[in-house]
Amino acid sequence: MLDAGGRRALARQMFEHVLATLREAGLEAVHVASGDQGTGDLNADVAAAARRVQDEGATELLLVMADLPYLTAADIAALIEAGRKSPVVIAEAKDGGTNALLLRPPTALPFAFTTGRPSAAFHADHARNAGIEPIFIRRPGLARDIDTPDDLKVLVSDHPAYQVFRHVA
């Protein structure tokens, strides 16, 4: 629906929103992992980032996808609170995907992000196979990602910060 420049602009705006929300939630350190690590494989790139922060001394990892324009600091607080009850917390997307994970330690389980398949169930299976009962978090700010033209249309219609994209939605 968007040309390359429009996709970059939308992705950048959502990414900046997620970073601002993480800062507002009071997180001490934020690292950015992207698909630009050269592998072309999100799972491999995220696994490398998890190993890197664990090697640097991190004892837990909060992984948040960048396409969450409805994300709030309260959503982050809910993830952290759930992490007090389980070392694996899964924020399930509206389509069954995974929009955020809290893992203790950062390499607690293999990543199972896939295209067109419900990765939240895969992450839960990996946790259970490791003897961990995961907690699922289902909140609008964590569930509503932007994956389809219909997602963009809804975003443009109800979120003033994104109305610049209304001419394509």
N, C-alpha and C. Protein backbone atom coordinates (compact mmCIF):
# COMPACT_ATOMS: atom_id res chain seq x y z
N MET A 1 0.80 -1.18 0.00
CA MET A 1 0.00 0.00 0.00
C MET A 1 0.85 1.26 0.00
N LEU A 2 1.99 1.21 0.65
CA LEU A 2 2.92 2.34 0.71
C LEU A 2 4.09 2.07 -0.22
N ASP A 3 4.63 3.13 -0.79
CA ASP A 3 5.86 2.97 -1.56
C ASP A 3 7.02 2.80 -0.58
N ALA A 4 8.20 2.57 -1.08
CA ALA A 4 9.36 2.30 -0.22
C ALA A 4 9.61 3.43 0.77
N GLY A 5 9.51 4.67 0.29
CA GLY A 5 9.72 5.81 1.18
C GLY A 5 8.67 5.90 2.26
N GLY A 6 7.43 5.63 1.90
CA GLY A 6 6.35 5.64 2.87
C GLY A 6 6.50 4.54 3.91
N ARG A 7 6.92 3.35 3.47
CA ARG A 7 7.16 2.25 4.42
C ARG A 7 8.27 2.61 5.40
N ARG A 8 9.35 3.21 4.87
CA ARG A 8 10.45 3.62 5.76
C ARG A 8 9.97 4.66 6.76
N ALA A 9 9.19 5.64 6.30
CA ALA A 9 8.70 6.70 7.19
C ALA A 9 7.79 6.12 8.27
N LEU A 10 6.88 5.24 7.89
CA LEU A 10 5.99 4.62 8.86
C LEU A 10 6.78 3.78 9.86
N ALA A 11 7.70 2.96 9.36
CA ALA A 11 8.51 2.11 10.24
C ALA A 11 9.31 2.97 11.21
N ARG A 12 9.88 4.06 10.71
CA ARG A 12 10.67 4.95 11.57
C ARG A 12 9.81 5.58 12.66
N GLN A 13 8.62 6.04 12.28
CA GLN A 13 7.73 6.68 13.25
C GLN A 13 7.31 5.69 14.34
N MET A 14 6.97 4.46 13.96
CA MET A 14 6.59 3.46 14.95
C MET A 14 7.78 3.08 15.83
N PHE A 15 8.95 2.92 15.23
CA PHE A 15 10.17 2.60 15.97
C PHE A 15 10.47 3.68 17.01
N GLU A 16 10.38 4.94 16.60
CA GLU A 16 10.64 6.04 17.54
C GLU A 16 9.61 6.06 18.66
N HIS A 17 8.36 5.72 18.33
CA HIS A 17 7.33 5.64 19.37
C HIS A 17 7.68 4.54 20.39
N VAL A 18 8.07 3.38 19.90
CA VAL A 18 8.42 2.27 20.80
C VAL A 18 9.60 2.67 21.68
N LEU A 19 10.63 3.27 21.10
CA LEU A 19 11.78 3.70 21.91
C LEU A 19 11.37 4.72 22.97
N ALA A 20 10.54 5.69 22.60
CA ALA A 20 10.08 6.70 23.56
C ALA A 20 9.27 6.05 24.67
N THR A 21 8.46 5.06 24.32
CA THR A 21 7.65 4.36 25.32
C THR A 21 8.54 3.57 26.28
N LEU A 22 9.57 2.93 25.78
CA LEU A 22 10.49 2.20 26.64
C LEU A 22 11.20 3.15 27.61
N ARG A 23 11.59 4.32 27.11
CA ARG A 23 12.22 5.32 27.99
C ARG A 23 11.22 5.81 29.03
N GLU A 24 9.99 6.08 28.60
CA GLU A 24 8.94 6.53 29.53
C GLU A 24 8.69 5.48 30.61
N ALA A 25 8.80 4.21 30.26
CA ALA A 25 8.60 3.12 31.21
C ALA A 25 9.77 2.97 32.18
N GLY A 26 10.85 3.72 31.94
CA GLY A 26 11.98 3.73 32.86
C GLY A 26 13.00 2.63 32.65
N LEU A 27 13.04 2.03 31.49
CA LEU A 27 14.05 0.99 31.25
C LEU A 27 15.44 1.60 31.25
N GLU A 28 16.37 0.91 31.89
CA GLU A 28 17.72 1.44 32.04
C GLU A 28 18.55 1.37 30.77
N ALA A 29 18.44 0.28 30.06
CA ALA A 29 19.26 0.11 28.86
C ALA A 29 18.39 -0.41 27.72
N VAL A 30 18.56 0.18 26.56
CA VAL A 30 17.82 -0.26 25.38
C VAL A 30 18.83 -0.52 24.27
N HIS A 31 18.78 -1.71 23.71
CA HIS A 31 19.62 -2.09 22.57
C HIS A 31 18.69 -2.33 21.39
N VAL A 32 19.16 -2.01 20.21
CA VAL A 32 18.36 -2.21 19.01
C VAL A 32 18.96 -3.34 18.19
N ALA A 33 18.13 -4.32 17.89
CA ALA A 33 18.53 -5.42 17.00
C ALA A 33 17.67 -5.28 15.76
N SER A 34 18.29 -5.47 14.62
CA SER A 34 17.52 -5.35 13.39
C SER A 34 17.87 -6.49 12.45
N GLY A 35 17.11 -6.59 11.40
CA GLY A 35 17.38 -7.59 10.38
C GLY A 35 18.56 -7.22 9.51
N ASP A 36 19.26 -6.17 9.88
CA ASP A 36 20.40 -5.70 9.11
C ASP A 36 21.72 -6.35 9.55
N GLN A 37 21.63 -7.43 10.31
CA GLN A 37 22.84 -8.08 10.81
C GLN A 37 23.52 -8.94 9.75
N GLY A 38 22.89 -9.01 8.58
CA GLY A 38 23.52 -9.74 7.49
C GLY A 38 23.00 -11.14 7.29
N THR A 39 22.23 -11.67 8.24
CA THR A 39 21.77 -13.05 8.09
C THR A 39 20.48 -13.14 7.29
N GLY A 40 19.67 -12.08 7.32
CA GLY A 40 18.37 -12.14 6.67
C GLY A 40 17.39 -13.00 7.44
N ASP A 41 17.73 -13.40 8.66
CA ASP A 41 16.92 -14.28 9.48
C ASP A 41 16.67 -13.61 10.82
N LEU A 42 15.42 -13.20 11.05
CA LEU A 42 15.08 -12.51 12.30
C LEU A 42 15.44 -13.34 13.52
N ASN A 43 15.15 -14.64 13.48
CA ASN A 43 15.47 -15.48 14.63
C ASN A 43 16.96 -15.47 14.94
N ALA A 44 17.79 -15.59 13.93
CA ALA A 44 19.24 -15.59 14.13
C ALA A 44 19.72 -14.23 14.64
N ASP A 45 19.17 -13.15 14.09
CA ASP A 45 19.58 -11.81 14.51
C ASP A 45 19.20 -11.54 15.96
N VAL A 46 17.98 -11.94 16.35
CA VAL A 46 17.54 -11.73 17.73
C VAL A 46 18.32 -12.63 18.68
N ALA A 47 18.60 -13.86 18.28
CA ALA A 47 19.39 -14.76 19.12
C ALA A 47 20.79 -14.20 19.34
N ALA A 48 21.39 -13.64 18.31
CA ALA A 48 22.72 -13.03 18.45
C ALA A 48 22.66 -11.85 19.41
N ALA A 49 21.63 -11.04 19.31
CA ALA A 49 21.48 -9.89 20.22
C ALA A 49 21.27 -10.37 21.65
N ALA A 50 20.49 -11.43 21.85
CA ALA A 50 20.26 -11.96 23.20
C ALA A 50 21.57 -12.48 23.80
N ARG A 51 22.35 -13.20 22.99
CA ARG A 51 23.65 -13.69 23.48
C ARG A 51 24.57 -12.52 23.84
N ARG A 52 24.55 -11.48 23.00
CA ARG A 52 25.42 -10.32 23.23
C ARG A 52 25.08 -9.63 24.55
N VAL A 53 23.78 -9.38 24.81
CA VAL A 53 23.44 -8.69 26.06
C VAL A 53 23.67 -9.59 27.27
N GLN A 54 23.48 -10.90 27.10
CA GLN A 54 23.76 -11.81 28.20
C GLN A 54 25.27 -11.83 28.49
N ASP A 55 26.08 -11.85 27.45
CA ASP A 55 27.53 -11.80 27.63
C ASP A 55 27.98 -10.51 28.31
N GLU A 56 27.20 -9.44 28.10
CA GLU A 56 27.50 -8.15 28.73
C GLU A 56 27.00 -8.07 30.17
N GLY A 57 26.35 -9.14 30.65
CA GLY A 57 25.92 -9.19 32.04
C GLY A 57 24.43 -9.07 32.28
N ALA A 58 23.63 -8.92 31.25
CA ALA A 58 22.18 -8.83 31.44
C ALA A 58 21.63 -10.16 31.94
N THR A 59 20.72 -10.09 32.90
CA THR A 59 20.11 -11.30 33.44
C THR A 59 18.71 -11.53 32.88
N GLU A 60 18.15 -10.53 32.22
CA GLU A 60 16.87 -10.69 31.56
C GLU A 60 16.81 -9.83 30.32
N LEU A 61 15.89 -10.20 29.44
CA LEU A 61 15.75 -9.51 28.17
C LEU A 61 14.28 -9.20 27.95
N LEU A 62 13.99 -7.97 27.61
CA LEU A 62 12.65 -7.60 27.18
C LEU A 62 12.77 -7.24 25.71
N LEU A 63 12.22 -8.09 24.87
CA LEU A 63 12.28 -7.92 23.43
C LEU A 63 10.93 -7.37 22.98
N VAL A 64 10.95 -6.21 22.32
CA VAL A 64 9.72 -5.56 21.88
C VAL A 64 9.84 -5.25 20.39
N MET A 65 8.84 -5.68 19.63
CA MET A 65 8.83 -5.40 18.19
C MET A 65 8.61 -3.90 17.96
N ALA A 66 9.05 -3.42 16.82
CA ALA A 66 9.02 -1.98 16.55
C ALA A 66 7.74 -1.50 15.89
N ASP A 67 6.82 -2.39 15.57
CA ASP A 67 5.60 -1.96 14.87
C ASP A 67 4.38 -1.95 15.80
N LEU A 68 4.55 -1.29 16.95
CA LEU A 68 3.50 -1.24 17.97
C LEU A 68 3.11 0.21 18.27
N PRO A 69 2.36 0.84 17.38
CA PRO A 69 2.04 2.26 17.57
C PRO A 69 1.10 2.55 18.73
N TYR A 70 0.45 1.53 19.29
CA TYR A 70 -0.46 1.73 20.42
C TYR A 70 0.21 1.40 21.76
N LEU A 71 1.48 1.02 21.75
CA LEU A 71 2.21 0.63 22.95
C LEU A 71 2.25 1.76 23.97
N THR A 72 2.05 1.41 25.25
CA THR A 72 2.11 2.39 26.33
C THR A 72 3.09 1.92 27.41
N ALA A 73 3.48 2.85 28.26
CA ALA A 73 4.35 2.50 29.38
C ALA A 73 3.65 1.50 30.31
N ALA A 74 2.33 1.58 30.41
CA ALA A 74 1.58 0.62 31.23
C ALA A 74 1.69 -0.80 30.66
N ASP A 75 1.77 -0.93 29.33
CA ASP A 75 1.98 -2.24 28.72
C ASP A 75 3.33 -2.81 29.13
N ILE A 76 4.34 -1.98 29.12
CA ILE A 76 5.69 -2.42 29.53
C ILE A 76 5.68 -2.81 30.99
N ALA A 77 5.02 -2.02 31.82
CA ALA A 77 4.92 -2.34 33.25
C ALA A 77 4.23 -3.69 33.46
N ALA A 78 3.19 -3.97 32.68
CA ALA A 78 2.49 -5.26 32.79
C ALA A 78 3.40 -6.43 32.42
N LEU A 79 4.23 -6.24 31.39
CA LEU A 79 5.19 -7.29 31.03
C LEU A 79 6.17 -7.54 32.17
N ILE A 80 6.69 -6.47 32.71
CA ILE A 80 7.67 -6.59 33.80
C ILE A 80 7.04 -7.24 35.03
N GLU A 81 5.84 -6.83 35.36
CA GLU A 81 5.14 -7.42 36.50
C GLU A 81 4.91 -8.92 36.28
N ALA A 82 4.50 -9.30 35.10
CA ALA A 82 4.29 -10.73 34.80
C ALA A 82 5.60 -11.49 34.91
N GLY A 83 6.71 -10.83 34.59
CA GLY A 83 8.03 -11.45 34.67
C GLY A 83 8.44 -11.79 36.09
N ARG A 84 7.74 -11.26 37.07
CA ARG A 84 8.01 -11.62 38.47
C ARG A 84 7.42 -12.99 38.79
N LYS A 85 6.50 -13.44 37.93
CA LYS A 85 5.82 -14.73 38.17
C LYS A 85 6.34 -15.85 37.28
N SER A 86 6.97 -15.50 36.17
CA SER A 86 7.51 -16.51 35.25
C SER A 86 8.71 -15.92 34.52
N PRO A 87 9.72 -16.75 34.24
CA PRO A 87 10.87 -16.25 33.49
C PRO A 87 10.61 -16.13 31.98
N VAL A 88 9.41 -16.50 31.53
CA VAL A 88 9.04 -16.34 30.13
C VAL A 88 7.65 -15.69 30.08
N VAL A 89 7.61 -14.49 29.48
CA VAL A 89 6.35 -13.77 29.30
C VAL A 89 6.21 -13.48 27.81
N ILE A 90 5.05 -13.82 27.28
CA ILE A 90 4.79 -13.68 25.84
C ILE A 90 3.65 -12.69 25.64
N ALA A 91 3.90 -11.62 24.89
CA ALA A 91 2.85 -10.69 24.50
C ALA A 91 2.35 -11.13 23.13
N GLU A 92 1.14 -11.63 23.14
CA GLU A 92 0.58 -12.21 21.92
C GLU A 92 -0.08 -11.14 21.05
N ALA A 93 0.26 -11.17 19.77
CA ALA A 93 -0.33 -10.27 18.79
C ALA A 93 -1.75 -10.74 18.47
N LYS A 94 -2.52 -9.86 17.87
CA LYS A 94 -3.91 -10.17 17.51
C LYS A 94 -4.01 -11.37 16.58
N ASP A 95 -2.96 -11.66 15.83
CA ASP A 95 -2.98 -12.78 14.89
C ASP A 95 -2.24 -14.01 15.42
N GLY A 96 -1.90 -14.01 16.71
CA GLY A 96 -1.21 -15.14 17.30
C GLY A 96 0.31 -15.06 17.23
N GLY A 97 0.81 -13.99 16.63
CA GLY A 97 2.25 -13.77 16.60
C GLY A 97 2.77 -13.32 17.95
N THR A 98 4.05 -13.01 18.00
CA THR A 98 4.68 -12.55 19.23
C THR A 98 5.15 -11.12 19.03
N ASN A 99 4.62 -10.19 19.81
CA ASN A 99 5.02 -8.79 19.70
C ASN A 99 6.01 -8.37 20.77
N ALA A 100 6.12 -9.16 21.84
CA ALA A 100 7.12 -8.88 22.88
C ALA A 100 7.36 -10.17 23.66
N LEU A 101 8.57 -10.28 24.17
CA LEU A 101 8.96 -11.41 25.01
C LEU A 101 9.79 -10.88 26.17
N LEU A 102 9.53 -11.39 27.35
CA LEU A 102 10.43 -11.15 28.47
C LEU A 102 11.04 -12.50 28.80
N LEU A 103 12.36 -12.55 28.81
CA LEU A 103 13.07 -13.81 29.05
C LEU A 103 14.10 -13.63 30.15
N ARG A 104 14.14 -14.59 31.05
CA ARG A 104 15.15 -14.60 32.11
C ARG A 104 15.72 -15.99 32.18
N PRO A 105 16.97 -16.21 31.79
CA PRO A 105 17.95 -15.27 31.21
C PRO A 105 17.60 -14.94 29.74
N PRO A 106 18.35 -14.02 29.14
CA PRO A 106 18.06 -13.60 27.77
C PRO A 106 18.04 -14.74 26.75
N THR A 107 18.78 -15.80 27.02
CA THR A 107 18.84 -16.93 26.08
C THR A 107 18.03 -18.12 26.60
N ALA A 108 16.97 -17.85 27.35
CA ALA A 108 16.17 -18.91 27.99
C ALA A 108 15.56 -19.88 26.99
N LEU A 109 15.26 -19.41 25.78
CA LEU A 109 14.68 -20.31 24.80
C LEU A 109 14.98 -19.84 23.39
N PRO A 110 14.88 -20.75 22.44
CA PRO A 110 15.12 -20.37 21.04
C PRO A 110 13.97 -19.50 20.53
N PHE A 111 14.30 -18.60 19.64
CA PHE A 111 13.29 -17.71 19.06
C PHE A 111 12.60 -18.43 17.91
N ALA A 112 11.30 -18.17 17.80
CA ALA A 112 10.48 -18.87 16.82
C ALA A 112 9.60 -17.91 16.03
N PHE A 113 10.16 -16.78 15.65
CA PHE A 113 9.40 -15.83 14.83
C PHE A 113 9.28 -16.41 13.43
N THR A 114 8.08 -16.45 12.93
CA THR A 114 7.85 -16.99 11.59
C THR A 114 6.88 -16.09 10.85
N THR A 115 6.87 -16.22 9.55
CA THR A 115 5.95 -15.45 8.74
C THR A 115 4.69 -16.26 8.49
N GLY A 116 3.56 -15.67 8.84
CA GLY A 116 2.30 -16.34 8.58
C GLY A 116 1.95 -17.47 9.51
N ARG A 117 2.70 -17.66 10.57
CA ARG A 117 2.41 -18.72 11.53
C ARG A 117 2.38 -18.12 12.93
N PRO A 118 1.59 -18.67 13.84
CA PRO A 118 1.44 -18.09 15.17
C PRO A 118 2.64 -18.36 16.09
N SER A 119 3.58 -17.44 16.07
CA SER A 119 4.83 -17.65 16.82
C SER A 119 4.63 -17.67 18.32
N ALA A 120 3.56 -17.06 18.84
CA ALA A 120 3.34 -17.09 20.30
C ALA A 120 3.21 -18.53 20.79
N ALA A 121 2.50 -19.35 20.04
CA ALA A 121 2.36 -20.76 20.42
C ALA A 121 3.70 -21.49 20.35
N PHE A 122 4.51 -21.17 19.33
CA PHE A 122 5.84 -21.78 19.23
C PHE A 122 6.70 -21.38 20.42
N HIS A 123 6.68 -20.10 20.80
CA HIS A 123 7.47 -19.66 21.95
C HIS A 123 6.99 -20.35 23.23
N ALA A 124 5.67 -20.49 23.38
CA ALA A 124 5.14 -21.17 24.56
C ALA A 124 5.58 -22.64 24.59
N ASP A 125 5.54 -23.29 23.44
CA ASP A 125 5.99 -24.69 23.37
C ASP A 125 7.46 -24.81 23.75
N HIS A 126 8.30 -23.89 23.25
CA HIS A 126 9.72 -23.92 23.59
C HIS A 126 9.91 -23.74 25.10
N ALA A 127 9.14 -22.84 25.70
CA ALA A 127 9.25 -22.62 27.14
C ALA A 127 8.85 -23.88 27.90
N ARG A 128 7.72 -24.46 27.52
CA ARG A 128 7.26 -25.67 28.21
C ARG A 128 8.24 -26.83 28.04
N ASN A 129 8.84 -26.94 26.86
CA ASN A 129 9.85 -27.97 26.64
C ASN A 129 11.07 -27.76 27.53
N ALA A 130 11.30 -26.50 27.95
CA ALA A 130 12.41 -26.20 28.86
C ALA A 130 11.96 -26.27 30.32
N GLY A 131 10.72 -26.71 30.55
CA GLY A 131 10.22 -26.84 31.92
C GLY A 131 9.71 -25.54 32.52
N ILE A 132 9.37 -24.57 31.68
CA ILE A 132 8.90 -23.26 32.14
C ILE A 132 7.46 -23.06 31.67
N GLU A 133 6.59 -22.70 32.59
CA GLU A 133 5.22 -22.36 32.19
C GLU A 133 5.20 -20.85 31.90
N PRO A 134 4.99 -20.49 30.63
CA PRO A 134 5.00 -19.07 30.26
C PRO A 134 3.71 -18.37 30.70
N ILE A 135 3.80 -17.08 30.80
CA ILE A 135 2.63 -16.24 31.03
C ILE A 135 2.35 -15.49 29.73
N PHE A 136 1.08 -15.48 29.34
CA PHE A 136 0.67 -14.71 28.17
C PHE A 136 0.10 -13.38 28.63
N ILE A 137 0.51 -12.31 27.95
CA ILE A 137 -0.03 -10.97 28.18
C ILE A 137 -0.81 -10.60 26.93
N ARG A 138 -2.06 -10.23 27.14
CA ARG A 138 -2.89 -9.81 26.01
C ARG A 138 -3.46 -8.43 26.35
N ARG A 139 -2.82 -7.43 25.78
CA ARG A 139 -3.23 -6.03 25.99
C ARG A 139 -3.29 -5.36 24.63
N PRO A 140 -4.22 -4.44 24.42
CA PRO A 140 -4.34 -3.79 23.11
C PRO A 140 -3.04 -3.16 22.61
N GLY A 141 -2.30 -2.50 23.46
CA GLY A 141 -1.06 -1.85 23.04
C GLY A 141 0.02 -2.82 22.60
N LEU A 142 -0.06 -4.03 23.09
CA LEU A 142 0.89 -5.08 22.71
C LEU A 142 0.36 -5.96 21.59
N ALA A 143 -0.94 -6.02 21.43
CA ALA A 143 -1.54 -6.91 20.43
C ALA A 143 -1.70 -6.26 19.06
N ARG A 144 -1.84 -4.94 19.04
CA ARG A 144 -2.17 -4.25 17.79
C ARG A 144 -0.91 -3.80 17.07
N ASP A 145 -0.40 -4.67 16.22
CA ASP A 145 0.75 -4.32 15.39
C ASP A 145 0.26 -3.93 14.00
N ILE A 146 1.18 -3.52 13.15
CA ILE A 146 0.82 -3.07 11.80
C ILE A 146 1.44 -4.04 10.80
N ASP A 147 0.61 -4.98 10.34
CA ASP A 147 1.07 -6.01 9.41
C ASP A 147 0.37 -5.95 8.06
N THR A 148 -0.82 -5.38 8.02
CA THR A 148 -1.63 -5.45 6.80
C THR A 148 -2.15 -4.07 6.41
N PRO A 149 -2.63 -3.92 5.17
CA PRO A 149 -3.26 -2.65 4.78
C PRO A 149 -4.44 -2.28 5.68
N ASP A 150 -5.22 -3.26 6.12
CA ASP A 150 -6.33 -2.97 7.02
C ASP A 150 -5.83 -2.43 8.37
N ASP A 151 -4.71 -2.98 8.87
CA ASP A 151 -4.12 -2.46 10.11
C ASP A 151 -3.76 -0.99 9.94
N LEU A 152 -3.18 -0.66 8.79
CA LEU A 152 -2.79 0.73 8.54
C LEU A 152 -4.02 1.63 8.44
N LYS A 153 -5.07 1.17 7.79
CA LYS A 153 -6.29 1.96 7.68
C LYS A 153 -6.86 2.29 9.06
N VAL A 154 -6.90 1.30 9.94
CA VAL A 154 -7.41 1.52 11.29
C VAL A 154 -6.50 2.49 12.04
N LEU A 155 -5.21 2.31 11.92
CA LEU A 155 -4.25 3.19 12.60
C LEU A 155 -4.45 4.64 12.16
N VAL A 156 -4.54 4.85 10.87
CA VAL A 156 -4.71 6.20 10.34
C VAL A 156 -6.03 6.81 10.79
N SER A 157 -7.07 6.00 10.89
CA SER A 157 -8.38 6.54 11.26
C SER A 157 -8.48 6.88 12.73
N ASP A 158 -7.73 6.20 13.60
CA ASP A 158 -7.94 6.46 15.03
C ASP A 158 -6.71 6.94 15.79
N HIS A 159 -5.61 7.20 15.12
CA HIS A 159 -4.40 7.65 15.82
C HIS A 159 -3.87 8.91 15.14
N PRO A 160 -4.07 10.08 15.74
CA PRO A 160 -3.70 11.35 15.09
C PRO A 160 -2.25 11.43 14.62
N ALA A 161 -1.33 10.81 15.33
CA ALA A 161 0.09 10.91 14.97
C ALA A 161 0.38 10.25 13.63
N TYR A 162 -0.51 9.40 13.15
CA TYR A 162 -0.26 8.66 11.92
C TYR A 162 -1.15 9.12 10.76
N GLN A 163 -1.88 10.20 10.95
CA GLN A 163 -2.80 10.64 9.90
C GLN A 163 -2.09 11.16 8.66
N VAL A 164 -0.81 11.41 8.75
CA VAL A 164 -0.06 11.81 7.57
C VAL A 164 -0.13 10.72 6.49
N PHE A 165 -0.41 9.49 6.88
CA PHE A 165 -0.48 8.36 5.94
C PHE A 165 -1.89 8.16 5.40
N ARG A 166 -2.84 9.04 5.73
CA ARG A 166 -4.24 8.83 5.35
C ARG A 166 -4.46 8.83 3.86
N HIS A 167 -3.59 9.50 3.12
CA HIS A 167 -3.78 9.55 1.67
C HIS A 167 -3.57 8.19 0.98
N VAL A 168 -2.96 7.24 1.68
CA VAL A 168 -2.76 5.92 1.09
C VAL A 168 -3.63 4.86 1.74
N ALA A 169 -4.16 5.18 2.90
CA ALA A 169 -4.93 4.16 3.64
C ALA A 169 -6.39 4.12 3.20
